[in-house]
PDB file of N, CA and C in Angstrom:
ATOM      1  N   MET A   1      -2.001   3.759 -72.442  1.00  0.00           N
ATOM      2  CA  MET A   1      -0.637   4.188 -72.684  1.00  0.00           C
ATOM      3  C   MET A   1      -0.645   5.311 -73.708  1.00  0.00           C
ATOM      4  N   ASN A   2       0.166   6.315 -73.443  1.00  0.00           N
ATOM      5  CA  ASN A   2       0.261   7.468 -74.319  1.00  0.00           C
ATOM      6  C   ASN A   2       1.344   7.215 -75.368  1.00  0.00           C
ATOM      7  N   TRP A   3       0.938   6.853 -76.571  1.00  0.00           N
ATOM      8  CA  TRP A   3       1.883   6.493 -77.623  1.00  0.00           C
ATOM      9  C   TRP A   3       2.659   7.701 -78.138  1.00  0.00           C
ATOM     10  N   THR A   4       2.062   8.863 -78.088  1.00  0.00           N
ATOM     11  CA  THR A   4       2.757  10.071 -78.540  1.00  0.00           C
ATOM     12  C   THR A   4       3.946  10.378 -77.633  1.00  0.00           C
ATOM     13  N   ALA A   5       3.740  10.261 -76.337  1.00  0.00           N
ATOM     14  CA  ALA A   5       4.837  10.503 -75.393  1.00  0.00           C
ATOM     15  C   ALA A   5       5.944   9.472 -75.565  1.00  0.00           C
ATOM     16  N   LEU A   6       5.581   8.224 -75.787  1.00  0.00           N
ATOM     17  CA  LEU A   6       6.572   7.174 -75.996  1.00  0.00           C
ATOM     18  C   LEU A   6       7.368   7.429 -77.272  1.00  0.00           C
ATOM     19  N   LEU A   7       6.683   7.805 -78.334  1.00  0.00           N
ATOM     20  CA  LEU A   7       7.363   8.099 -79.598  1.00  0.00           C
ATOM     21  C   LEU A   7       8.292   9.300 -79.451  1.00  0.00           C
ATOM     22  N   ASN A   8       7.834  10.333 -78.762  1.00  0.00           N
ATOM     23  CA  ASN A   8       8.693  11.507 -78.527  1.00  0.00           C
ATOM     24  C   ASN A   8       9.943  11.138 -77.738  1.00  0.00           C
ATOM     25  N   THR A   9       9.775  10.289 -76.732  1.00  0.00           N
ATOM     26  CA  THR A   9      10.913   9.859 -75.926  1.00  0.00           C
ATOM     27  C   THR A   9      11.924   9.099 -76.768  1.00  0.00           C
ATOM     28  N   VAL A  10      11.444   8.193 -77.596  1.00  0.00           N
ATOM     29  CA  VAL A  10      12.343   7.406 -78.446  1.00  0.00           C
ATOM     30  C   VAL A  10      13.058   8.302 -79.457  1.00  0.00           C
ATOM     31  N   VAL A  11      12.323   9.218 -80.061  1.00  0.00           N
ATOM     32  CA  VAL A  11      12.927  10.113 -81.058  1.00  0.00           C
ATOM     33  C   VAL A  11      13.986  11.009 -80.416  1.00  0.00           C
ATOM     34  N   TYR A  12      13.650  11.639 -79.293  1.00  0.00           N
ATOM     35  CA  TYR A  12      14.607  12.531 -78.642  1.00  0.00           C
ATOM     36  C   TYR A  12      15.804  11.769 -78.079  1.00  0.00           C
ATOM     37  N   SER A  13      15.602  10.567 -77.574  1.00  0.00           N
ATOM     38  CA  SER A  13      16.722   9.760 -77.077  1.00  0.00           C
ATOM     39  C   SER A  13      17.667   9.388 -78.216  1.00  0.00           C
ATOM     40  N   THR A  14      17.095   8.963 -79.327  1.00  0.00           N
ATOM     41  CA  THR A  14      17.915   8.597 -80.489  1.00  0.00           C
ATOM     42  C   THR A  14      18.664   9.816 -81.017  1.00  0.00           C
ATOM     43  N   LEU A  15      17.989  10.934 -81.105  1.00  0.00           N
ATOM     44  CA  LEU A  15      18.626  12.159 -81.570  1.00  0.00           C
ATOM     45  C   LEU A  15      19.760  12.575 -80.639  1.00  0.00           C
ATOM     46  N   GLY A  16      19.546  12.468 -79.332  1.00  0.00           N
ATOM     47  CA  GLY A  16      20.585  12.813 -78.370  1.00  0.00           C
ATOM     48  C   GLY A  16      21.803  11.912 -78.473  1.00  0.00           C
ATOM     49  N   ILE A  17      21.586  10.616 -78.677  1.00  0.00           N
ATOM     50  CA  ILE A  17      22.703   9.681 -78.823  1.00  0.00           C
ATOM     51  C   ILE A  17      23.485   9.966 -80.097  1.00  0.00           C
ATOM     52  N   ILE A  18      22.778  10.276 -81.172  1.00  0.00           N
ATOM     53  CA  ILE A  18      23.451  10.598 -82.438  1.00  0.00           C
ATOM     54  C   ILE A  18      24.286  11.865 -82.296  1.00  0.00           C
ATOM     55  N   ILE A  19      23.725  12.883 -81.651  1.00  0.00           N
ATOM     56  CA  ILE A  19      24.470  14.133 -81.453  1.00  0.00           C
ATOM     57  C   ILE A  19      25.685  13.897 -80.561  1.00  0.00           C
ATOM     58  N   LEU A  20      25.554  13.052 -79.545  1.00  0.00           N
ATOM     59  CA  LEU A  20      26.692  12.731 -78.682  1.00  0.00           C
ATOM     60  C   LEU A  20      27.790  12.036 -79.475  1.00  0.00           C
ATOM     61  N   CYS A  21      27.424  11.102 -80.336  1.00  0.00           N
ATOM     62  CA  CYS A  21      28.416  10.401 -81.157  1.00  0.00           C
ATOM     63  C   CYS A  21      29.125  11.363 -82.101  1.00  0.00           C
ATOM     64  N   VAL A  22      28.371  12.264 -82.701  1.00  0.00           N
ATOM     65  CA  VAL A  22      28.978  13.267 -83.581  1.00  0.00           C
ATOM     66  C   VAL A  22      29.919  14.166 -82.781  1.00  0.00           C
ATOM     67  N   GLY A  23      29.514  14.548 -81.580  1.00  0.00           N
ATOM     68  CA  GLY A  23      30.381  15.349 -80.719  1.00  0.00           C
ATOM     69  C   GLY A  23      31.665  14.629 -80.353  1.00  0.00           C
ATOM     70  N   PHE A  24      31.574  13.328 -80.091  1.00  0.00           N
ATOM     71  CA  PHE A  24      32.777  12.545 -79.778  1.00  0.00           C
ATOM     72  C   PHE A  24      33.711  12.494 -80.975  1.00  0.00           C
ATOM     73  N   VAL A  25      33.152  12.328 -82.173  1.00  0.00           N
ATOM     74  CA  VAL A  25      33.986  12.300 -83.382  1.00  0.00           C
ATOM     75  C   VAL A  25      34.664  13.652 -83.589  1.00  0.00           C
ATOM     76  N   VAL A  26      33.941  14.736 -83.328  1.00  0.00           N
ATOM     77  CA  VAL A  26      34.535  16.074 -83.462  1.00  0.00           C
ATOM     78  C   VAL A  26      35.675  16.247 -82.457  1.00  0.00           C
ATOM     79  N   ILE A  27      35.470  15.813 -81.221  1.00  0.00           N
ATOM     80  CA  ILE A  27      36.538  15.890 -80.219  1.00  0.00           C
ATOM     81  C   ILE A  27      37.730  15.056 -80.657  1.00  0.00           C
ATOM     82  N   ASP A  28      37.474  13.877 -81.221  1.00  0.00           N
ATOM     83  CA  ASP A  28      38.555  13.012 -81.698  1.00  0.00           C
ATOM     84  C   ASP A  28      39.338  13.681 -82.815  1.00  0.00           C
ATOM     85  N   LYS A  29      38.643  14.368 -83.721  1.00  0.00           N
ATOM     86  CA  LYS A  29      39.321  15.030 -84.842  1.00  0.00           C
ATOM     87  C   LYS A  29      40.088  16.267 -84.395  1.00  0.00           C
ATOM     88  N   LEU A  30      39.637  16.932 -83.335  1.00  0.00           N
ATOM     89  CA  LEU A  30      40.305  18.144 -82.872  1.00  0.00           C
ATOM     90  C   LEU A  30      41.555  17.863 -82.046  1.00  0.00           C
ATOM     91  N   THR A  31      41.666  16.680 -81.485  1.00  0.00           N
ATOM     92  CA  THR A  31      42.848  16.351 -80.692  1.00  0.00           C
ATOM     93  C   THR A  31      44.017  16.015 -81.615  1.00  0.00           C
ATOM     94  N   PRO A  32      45.236  16.347 -81.205  1.00  0.00           N
ATOM     95  CA  PRO A  32      46.397  16.129 -82.087  1.00  0.00           C
ATOM     96  C   PRO A  32      46.875  14.674 -82.142  1.00  0.00           C
ATOM     97  N   TYR A  33      46.261  13.782 -81.430  1.00  0.00           N
ATOM     98  CA  TYR A  33      46.665  12.378 -81.416  1.00  0.00           C
ATOM     99  C   TYR A  33      45.448  11.512 -81.670  1.00  0.00           C
ATOM    100  N   HIS A  34      45.688  10.216 -81.883  1.00  0.00           N
ATOM    101  CA  HIS A  34      44.580   9.290 -82.134  1.00  0.00           C
ATOM    102  C   HIS A  34      43.960   8.928 -80.791  1.00  0.00           C
ATOM    103  N   LEU A  35      42.783   9.471 -80.544  1.00  0.00           N
ATOM    104  CA  LEU A  35      42.130   9.369 -79.242  1.00  0.00           C
ATOM    105  C   LEU A  35      41.832   7.922 -78.857  1.00  0.00           C
ATOM    106  N   TRP A  36      41.271   7.157 -79.773  1.00  0.00           N
ATOM    107  CA  TRP A  36      40.883   5.780 -79.458  1.00  0.00           C
ATOM    108  C   TRP A  36      42.117   4.933 -79.129  1.00  0.00           C
ATOM    109  N   LYS A  37      43.220   5.134 -79.851  1.00  0.00           N
ATOM    110  CA  LYS A  37      44.455   4.390 -79.588  1.00  0.00           C
ATOM    111  C   LYS A  37      44.986   4.730 -78.189  1.00  0.00           C
ATOM    112  N   GLU A  38      44.946   5.996 -77.837  1.00  0.00           N
ATOM    113  CA  GLU A  38      45.420   6.402 -76.516  1.00  0.00           C
ATOM    114  C   GLU A  38      44.563   5.806 -75.399  1.00  0.00           C
ATOM    115  N   LEU A  39      43.261   5.746 -75.622  1.00  0.00           N
ATOM    116  CA  LEU A  39      42.373   5.235 -74.577  1.00  0.00           C
ATOM    117  C   LEU A  39      42.460   3.727 -74.423  1.00  0.00           C
ATOM    118  N   ILE A  40      42.462   2.990 -75.537  1.00  0.00           N
ATOM    119  CA  ILE A  40      42.381   1.533 -75.486  1.00  0.00           C
ATOM    120  C   ILE A  40      43.764   0.885 -75.389  1.00  0.00           C
ATOM    121  N   GLU A  41      44.668   1.236 -76.293  1.00  0.00           N
ATOM    122  CA  GLU A  41      45.965   0.553 -76.322  1.00  0.00           C
ATOM    123  C   GLU A  41      46.927   1.071 -75.260  1.00  0.00           C
ATOM    124  N   GLU A  42      46.982   2.389 -75.098  1.00  0.00           N
ATOM    125  CA  GLU A  42      47.923   2.978 -74.140  1.00  0.00           C
ATOM    126  C   GLU A  42      47.345   3.031 -72.723  1.00  0.00           C
ATOM    127  N   LYS A  43      46.029   2.834 -72.596  1.00  0.00           N
ATOM    128  CA  LYS A  43      45.336   2.869 -71.302  1.00  0.00           C
ATOM    129  C   LYS A  43      45.618   4.163 -70.524  1.00  0.00           C
ATOM    130  N   ASN A  44      45.452   5.272 -71.221  1.00  0.00           N
ATOM    131  CA  ASN A  44      45.680   6.589 -70.632  1.00  0.00           C
ATOM    132  C   ASN A  44      44.463   6.971 -69.797  1.00  0.00           C
ATOM    133  N   GLN A  45      44.577   6.809 -68.477  1.00  0.00           N
ATOM    134  CA  GLN A  45      43.440   7.039 -67.586  1.00  0.00           C
ATOM    135  C   GLN A  45      43.096   8.518 -67.455  1.00  0.00           C
ATOM    136  N   ALA A  46      44.101   9.366 -67.476  1.00  0.00           N
ATOM    137  CA  ALA A  46      43.833  10.799 -67.371  1.00  0.00           C
ATOM    138  C   ALA A  46      43.048  11.284 -68.585  1.00  0.00           C
ATOM    139  N   LEU A  47      43.418  10.801 -69.746  1.00  0.00           N
ATOM    140  CA  LEU A  47      42.695  11.165 -70.961  1.00  0.00           C
ATOM    141  C   LEU A  47      41.279  10.605 -70.933  1.00  0.00           C
ATOM    142  N   ALA A  48      41.106   9.429 -70.383  1.00  0.00           N
ATOM    143  CA  ALA A  48      39.767   8.838 -70.273  1.00  0.00           C
ATOM    144  C   ALA A  48      38.865   9.687 -69.385  1.00  0.00           C
ATOM    145  N   VAL A  49      39.404  10.226 -68.317  1.00  0.00           N
ATOM    146  CA  VAL A  49      38.623  11.096 -67.436  1.00  0.00           C
ATOM    147  C   VAL A  49      38.233  12.373 -68.175  1.00  0.00           C
ATOM    148  N   VAL A  50      39.175  12.965 -68.902  1.00  0.00           N
ATOM    149  CA  VAL A  50      38.895  14.200 -69.637  1.00  0.00           C
ATOM    150  C   VAL A  50      37.844  13.963 -70.715  1.00  0.00           C
ATOM    151  N   VAL A  51      37.964  12.871 -71.450  1.00  0.00           N
ATOM    152  CA  VAL A  51      37.003  12.567 -72.510  1.00  0.00           C
ATOM    153  C   VAL A  51      35.632  12.259 -71.897  1.00  0.00           C
ATOM    154  N   GLY A  52      35.613  11.540 -70.800  1.00  0.00           N
ATOM    155  CA  GLY A  52      34.351  11.248 -70.125  1.00  0.00           C
ATOM    156  C   GLY A  52      33.650  12.512 -69.655  1.00  0.00           C
ATOM    157  N   LEU A  53      34.414  13.441 -69.094  1.00  0.00           N
ATOM    158  CA  LEU A  53      33.819  14.701 -68.657  1.00  0.00           C
ATOM    159  C   LEU A  53      33.364  15.548 -69.837  1.00  0.00           C
ATOM    160  N   ALA A  54      34.090  15.489 -70.940  1.00  0.00           N
ATOM    161  CA  ALA A  54      33.659  16.209 -72.144  1.00  0.00           C
ATOM    162  C   ALA A  54      32.342  15.632 -72.663  1.00  0.00           C
ATOM    163  N   CYS A  55      32.219  14.307 -72.646  1.00  0.00           N
ATOM    164  CA  CYS A  55      30.967  13.670 -73.071  1.00  0.00           C
ATOM    165  C   CYS A  55      29.819  14.029 -72.133  1.00  0.00           C
ATOM    166  N   LEU A  56      30.083  14.068 -70.836  1.00  0.00           N
ATOM    167  CA  LEU A  56      29.046  14.488 -69.891  1.00  0.00           C
ATOM    168  C   LEU A  56      28.630  15.938 -70.128  1.00  0.00           C
ATOM    169  N   GLY A  57      29.594  16.787 -70.439  1.00  0.00           N
ATOM    170  CA  GLY A  57      29.278  18.181 -70.746  1.00  0.00           C
ATOM    171  C   GLY A  57      28.409  18.297 -71.983  1.00  0.00           C
ATOM    172  N   ILE A  58      28.737  17.524 -73.014  1.00  0.00           N
ATOM    173  CA  ILE A  58      27.921  17.514 -74.226  1.00  0.00           C
ATOM    174  C   ILE A  58      26.521  17.006 -73.908  1.00  0.00           C
ATOM    175  N   CYS A  59      26.429  15.970 -73.071  1.00  0.00           N
ATOM    176  CA  CYS A  59      25.118  15.416 -72.700  1.00  0.00           C
ATOM    177  C   CYS A  59      24.265  16.427 -71.952  1.00  0.00           C
ATOM    178  N   VAL A  60      24.874  17.198 -71.075  1.00  0.00           N
ATOM    179  CA  VAL A  60      24.126  18.211 -70.323  1.00  0.00           C
ATOM    180  C   VAL A  60      23.598  19.284 -71.278  1.00  0.00           C
ATOM    181  N   ILE A  61      24.418  19.689 -72.234  1.00  0.00           N
ATOM    182  CA  ILE A  61      23.992  20.696 -73.210  1.00  0.00           C
ATOM    183  C   ILE A  61      22.855  20.159 -74.053  1.00  0.00           C
ATOM    184  N   ILE A  62      22.971  18.915 -74.517  1.00  0.00           N
ATOM    185  CA  ILE A  62      21.911  18.310 -75.337  1.00  0.00           C
ATOM    186  C   ILE A  62      20.611  18.191 -74.528  1.00  0.00           C
ATOM    187  N   ALA A  63      20.733  17.726 -73.294  1.00  0.00           N
ATOM    188  CA  ALA A  63      19.532  17.545 -72.455  1.00  0.00           C
ATOM    189  C   ALA A  63      18.845  18.877 -72.177  1.00  0.00           C
ATOM    190  N   SER A  64      19.618  19.911 -71.887  1.00  0.00           N
ATOM    191  CA  SER A  64      18.987  21.209 -71.600  1.00  0.00           C
ATOM    192  C   SER A  64      18.396  21.826 -72.867  1.00  0.00           C
ATOM    193  N   ALA A  65      19.012  21.571 -74.004  1.00  0.00           N
ATOM    194  CA  ALA A  65      18.454  22.088 -75.264  1.00  0.00           C
ATOM    195  C   ALA A  65      17.155  21.394 -75.614  1.00  0.00           C
ATOM    196  N   MET A  66      17.052  20.104 -75.316  1.00  0.00           N
ATOM    197  CA  MET A  66      15.834  19.354 -75.631  1.00  0.00           C
ATOM    198  C   MET A  66      14.735  19.583 -74.608  1.00  0.00           C
ATOM    199  N   HIS A  67      15.129  19.942 -73.412  1.00  0.00           N
ATOM    200  CA  HIS A  67      14.131  20.123 -72.354  1.00  0.00           C
ATOM    201  C   HIS A  67      13.368  21.390 -72.620  1.00  0.00           C
TER     202      HIS A  67
END
């Protein structure tokens, strides 16, 4: 087993998840309303789709930057 490759995978995966979380917080701060309240309490499905696509966009950028 190649331990260097495994360690690199774990490090890059953790870094990508952290960057995604920071990106989500930035999106939450930039929106004029409380994002989590709208998603969970108000069950705003349209907003959930937009936020999900924004997260996917951030993930694609992170993945291509790391690749």
